[in-house]
Amino acid sequence: MNEQFSLEGQPFIPLHNLLKVLGWCDSGAVAKMVIDDGLVQVNGEIELRKRCKIVVGQTVSFNGQEVEVTE
């Protein structure tokens, strides 16, 4: 089963912030580096935009982990 992350009423979360909040990266700087390196996927596609707006219904994958974004 996938992990889920709730936006708690916010319209979106920037991709690098999501990686940090989930604890997948120790800091925003590390999150930006792994995104730059092409290691993060959004809905199965490599995403290189650090501030990509992640919205409800999207799935983010990194380092063998996957999270579905919910409301």
N, C-alpha and C. Protein backbone atom coordinates (compact mmCIF):
# COMPACT_ATOMS: atom_id res chain seq x y z
N MET A 1 0.85 -1.21 0.00
CA MET A 1 0.00 0.00 0.00
C MET A 1 0.88 1.25 0.00
N ASN A 2 0.43 2.25 -0.74
CA ASN A 2 1.19 3.49 -0.84
C ASN A 2 1.03 4.32 0.42
N GLU A 3 2.07 5.04 0.72
CA GLU A 3 2.00 6.06 1.76
C GLU A 3 1.14 7.19 1.21
N GLN A 4 0.48 7.93 2.10
CA GLN A 4 -0.32 9.07 1.65
C GLN A 4 0.13 10.33 2.38
N PHE A 5 0.00 11.45 1.69
CA PHE A 5 0.33 12.75 2.27
C PHE A 5 -0.84 13.67 2.03
N SER A 6 -1.36 14.28 3.10
CA SER A 6 -2.50 15.19 2.98
C SER A 6 -2.04 16.63 2.84
N LEU A 7 -2.63 17.33 1.86
CA LEU A 7 -2.34 18.75 1.68
C LEU A 7 -3.04 19.61 2.73
N GLU A 8 -3.97 19.01 3.47
CA GLU A 8 -4.68 19.70 4.56
C GLU A 8 -5.23 21.05 4.12
N GLY A 9 -5.92 21.04 2.98
CA GLY A 9 -6.60 22.25 2.52
C GLY A 9 -5.75 23.19 1.68
N GLN A 10 -4.44 22.94 1.60
CA GLN A 10 -3.59 23.78 0.75
C GLN A 10 -3.77 23.35 -0.70
N PRO A 11 -3.62 24.28 -1.66
CA PRO A 11 -3.81 23.91 -3.06
C PRO A 11 -2.69 23.02 -3.61
N PHE A 12 -1.47 23.16 -3.06
CA PHE A 12 -0.33 22.38 -3.56
C PHE A 12 0.80 22.45 -2.54
N ILE A 13 1.84 21.63 -2.79
CA ILE A 13 3.09 21.72 -2.04
C ILE A 13 4.22 21.64 -3.06
N PRO A 14 5.23 22.52 -2.96
CA PRO A 14 6.36 22.42 -3.88
C PRO A 14 7.08 21.07 -3.68
N LEU A 15 7.54 20.49 -4.78
CA LEU A 15 8.13 19.16 -4.75
C LEU A 15 9.27 19.05 -3.74
N HIS A 16 10.19 20.02 -3.73
CA HIS A 16 11.33 19.91 -2.80
C HIS A 16 10.87 19.96 -1.34
N ASN A 17 9.81 20.71 -1.06
CA ASN A 17 9.27 20.75 0.31
C ASN A 17 8.65 19.41 0.70
N LEU A 18 7.96 18.76 -0.24
CA LEU A 18 7.34 17.47 0.04
C LEU A 18 8.40 16.44 0.44
N LEU A 19 9.50 16.39 -0.30
CA LEU A 19 10.57 15.43 0.02
C LEU A 19 11.13 15.69 1.42
N LYS A 20 11.22 16.96 1.78
CA LYS A 20 11.75 17.31 3.11
C LYS A 20 10.75 16.96 4.20
N VAL A 21 9.48 17.31 4.00
CA VAL A 21 8.43 17.05 5.00
C VAL A 21 8.25 15.56 5.24
N LEU A 22 8.36 14.76 4.18
CA LEU A 22 8.21 13.31 4.32
C LEU A 22 9.41 12.67 5.02
N GLY A 23 10.50 13.43 5.14
CA GLY A 23 11.71 12.87 5.74
C GLY A 23 12.54 12.07 4.75
N TRP A 24 12.20 12.15 3.47
CA TRP A 24 12.95 11.43 2.45
C TRP A 24 14.30 12.09 2.20
N CYS A 25 14.39 13.40 2.50
CA CYS A 25 15.65 14.15 2.38
C CYS A 25 15.85 14.93 3.67
N ASP A 26 17.11 15.06 4.08
CA ASP A 26 17.42 15.72 5.35
C ASP A 26 17.16 17.22 5.31
N SER A 27 17.23 17.82 4.13
CA SER A 27 17.05 19.27 4.02
C SER A 27 16.51 19.62 2.64
N GLY A 28 16.08 20.86 2.52
CA GLY A 28 15.62 21.34 1.22
C GLY A 28 16.72 21.33 0.19
N ALA A 29 17.96 21.61 0.63
CA ALA A 29 19.10 21.62 -0.29
C ALA A 29 19.35 20.23 -0.86
N VAL A 30 19.27 19.20 -0.01
CA VAL A 30 19.44 17.83 -0.47
C VAL A 30 18.30 17.45 -1.42
N ALA A 31 17.08 17.86 -1.08
CA ALA A 31 15.93 17.58 -1.94
C ALA A 31 16.13 18.18 -3.32
N LYS A 32 16.62 19.42 -3.38
CA LYS A 32 16.85 20.07 -4.67
C LYS A 32 17.91 19.33 -5.47
N MET A 33 18.94 18.81 -4.79
CA MET A 33 20.00 18.08 -5.48
C MET A 33 19.48 16.79 -6.10
N VAL A 34 18.67 16.03 -5.34
CA VAL A 34 18.18 14.75 -5.90
C VAL A 34 17.20 15.00 -7.05
N ILE A 35 16.46 16.12 -6.98
CA ILE A 35 15.56 16.48 -8.09
C ILE A 35 16.42 16.84 -9.32
N ASP A 36 17.45 17.66 -9.11
CA ASP A 36 18.37 18.03 -10.21
C ASP A 36 19.00 16.79 -10.84
N ASP A 37 19.28 15.79 -10.02
CA ASP A 37 19.93 14.57 -10.51
C ASP A 37 18.96 13.62 -11.22
N GLY A 38 17.67 14.00 -11.29
CA GLY A 38 16.69 13.18 -12.01
C GLY A 38 16.26 11.93 -11.25
N LEU A 39 16.35 11.98 -9.92
CA LEU A 39 16.04 10.81 -9.11
C LEU A 39 14.59 10.77 -8.61
N VAL A 40 13.83 11.83 -8.90
CA VAL A 40 12.45 11.93 -8.40
C VAL A 40 11.48 11.83 -9.56
N GLN A 41 10.42 11.05 -9.36
CA GLN A 41 9.39 10.92 -10.38
C GLN A 41 8.05 11.42 -9.85
N VAL A 42 7.30 12.08 -10.73
CA VAL A 42 5.93 12.49 -10.43
C VAL A 42 5.05 11.81 -11.46
N ASN A 43 4.11 10.99 -10.98
CA ASN A 43 3.23 10.21 -11.86
C ASN A 43 4.03 9.40 -12.87
N GLY A 44 5.15 8.82 -12.41
CA GLY A 44 5.94 7.95 -13.26
C GLY A 44 6.89 8.62 -14.22
N GLU A 45 6.92 9.96 -14.22
CA GLU A 45 7.80 10.71 -15.12
C GLU A 45 8.86 11.44 -14.29
N ILE A 46 10.10 11.45 -14.77
CA ILE A 46 11.15 12.19 -14.07
C ILE A 46 10.79 13.67 -14.05
N GLU A 47 10.89 14.28 -12.87
CA GLU A 47 10.55 15.71 -12.70
C GLU A 47 11.81 16.46 -12.28
N LEU A 48 12.18 17.46 -13.06
CA LEU A 48 13.39 18.23 -12.78
C LEU A 48 13.11 19.61 -12.21
N ARG A 49 11.84 19.97 -12.09
CA ARG A 49 11.50 21.30 -11.54
C ARG A 49 11.39 21.18 -10.02
N LYS A 50 12.30 21.86 -9.31
CA LYS A 50 12.34 21.77 -7.85
C LYS A 50 11.05 22.29 -7.20
N ARG A 51 10.49 23.34 -7.79
CA ARG A 51 9.30 23.95 -7.20
C ARG A 51 8.02 23.50 -7.89
N CYS A 52 8.10 22.39 -8.61
CA CYS A 52 6.92 21.82 -9.27
C CYS A 52 5.79 21.72 -8.25
N LYS A 53 4.62 22.23 -8.61
CA LYS A 53 3.48 22.22 -7.68
C LYS A 53 2.83 20.84 -7.66
N ILE A 54 2.95 20.15 -6.54
CA ILE A 54 2.36 18.83 -6.38
C ILE A 54 0.95 19.01 -5.83
N VAL A 55 -0.03 18.46 -6.56
CA VAL A 55 -1.44 18.66 -6.21
C VAL A 55 -2.10 17.31 -5.90
N VAL A 56 -3.34 17.38 -5.41
CA VAL A 56 -4.11 16.19 -5.06
C VAL A 56 -4.16 15.23 -6.25
N GLY A 57 -3.95 13.95 -5.98
CA GLY A 57 -4.05 12.92 -7.00
C GLY A 57 -2.73 12.54 -7.63
N GLN A 58 -1.69 13.33 -7.38
CA GLN A 58 -0.39 13.00 -7.95
C GLN A 58 0.35 12.01 -7.06
N THR A 59 1.22 11.23 -7.67
CA THR A 59 2.05 10.26 -6.96
C THR A 59 3.51 10.65 -7.16
N VAL A 60 4.25 10.70 -6.06
CA VAL A 60 5.67 11.06 -6.11
C VAL A 60 6.48 9.85 -5.67
N SER A 61 7.53 9.54 -6.44
CA SER A 61 8.39 8.39 -6.14
C SER A 61 9.84 8.85 -6.02
N PHE A 62 10.54 8.26 -5.06
CA PHE A 62 11.96 8.55 -4.87
C PHE A 62 12.59 7.43 -4.05
N ASN A 63 13.71 6.91 -4.54
CA ASN A 63 14.51 5.96 -3.77
C ASN A 63 13.70 4.76 -3.26
N GLY A 64 12.84 4.23 -4.14
CA GLY A 64 12.06 3.06 -3.77
C GLY A 64 10.84 3.33 -2.92
N GLN A 65 10.60 4.61 -2.63
CA GLN A 65 9.43 5.00 -1.84
C GLN A 65 8.44 5.71 -2.74
N GLU A 66 7.16 5.62 -2.37
CA GLU A 66 6.11 6.25 -3.18
C GLU A 66 5.07 6.85 -2.25
N VAL A 67 4.57 8.02 -2.61
CA VAL A 67 3.53 8.66 -1.81
C VAL A 67 2.45 9.19 -2.74
N GLU A 68 1.21 9.04 -2.31
CA GLU A 68 0.07 9.61 -3.06
C GLU A 68 -0.41 10.84 -2.29
N VAL A 69 -0.62 11.93 -3.02
CA VAL A 69 -1.04 13.19 -2.40
C VAL A 69 -2.57 13.24 -2.36
N THR A 70 -3.09 13.49 -1.16
CA THR A 70 -4.54 13.56 -0.96
C THR A 70 -4.92 14.94 -0.44
N GLU A 71 -6.24 15.18 -0.36
CA GLU A 71 -6.72 16.48 0.11
C GLU A 71 -6.34 16.74 1.55
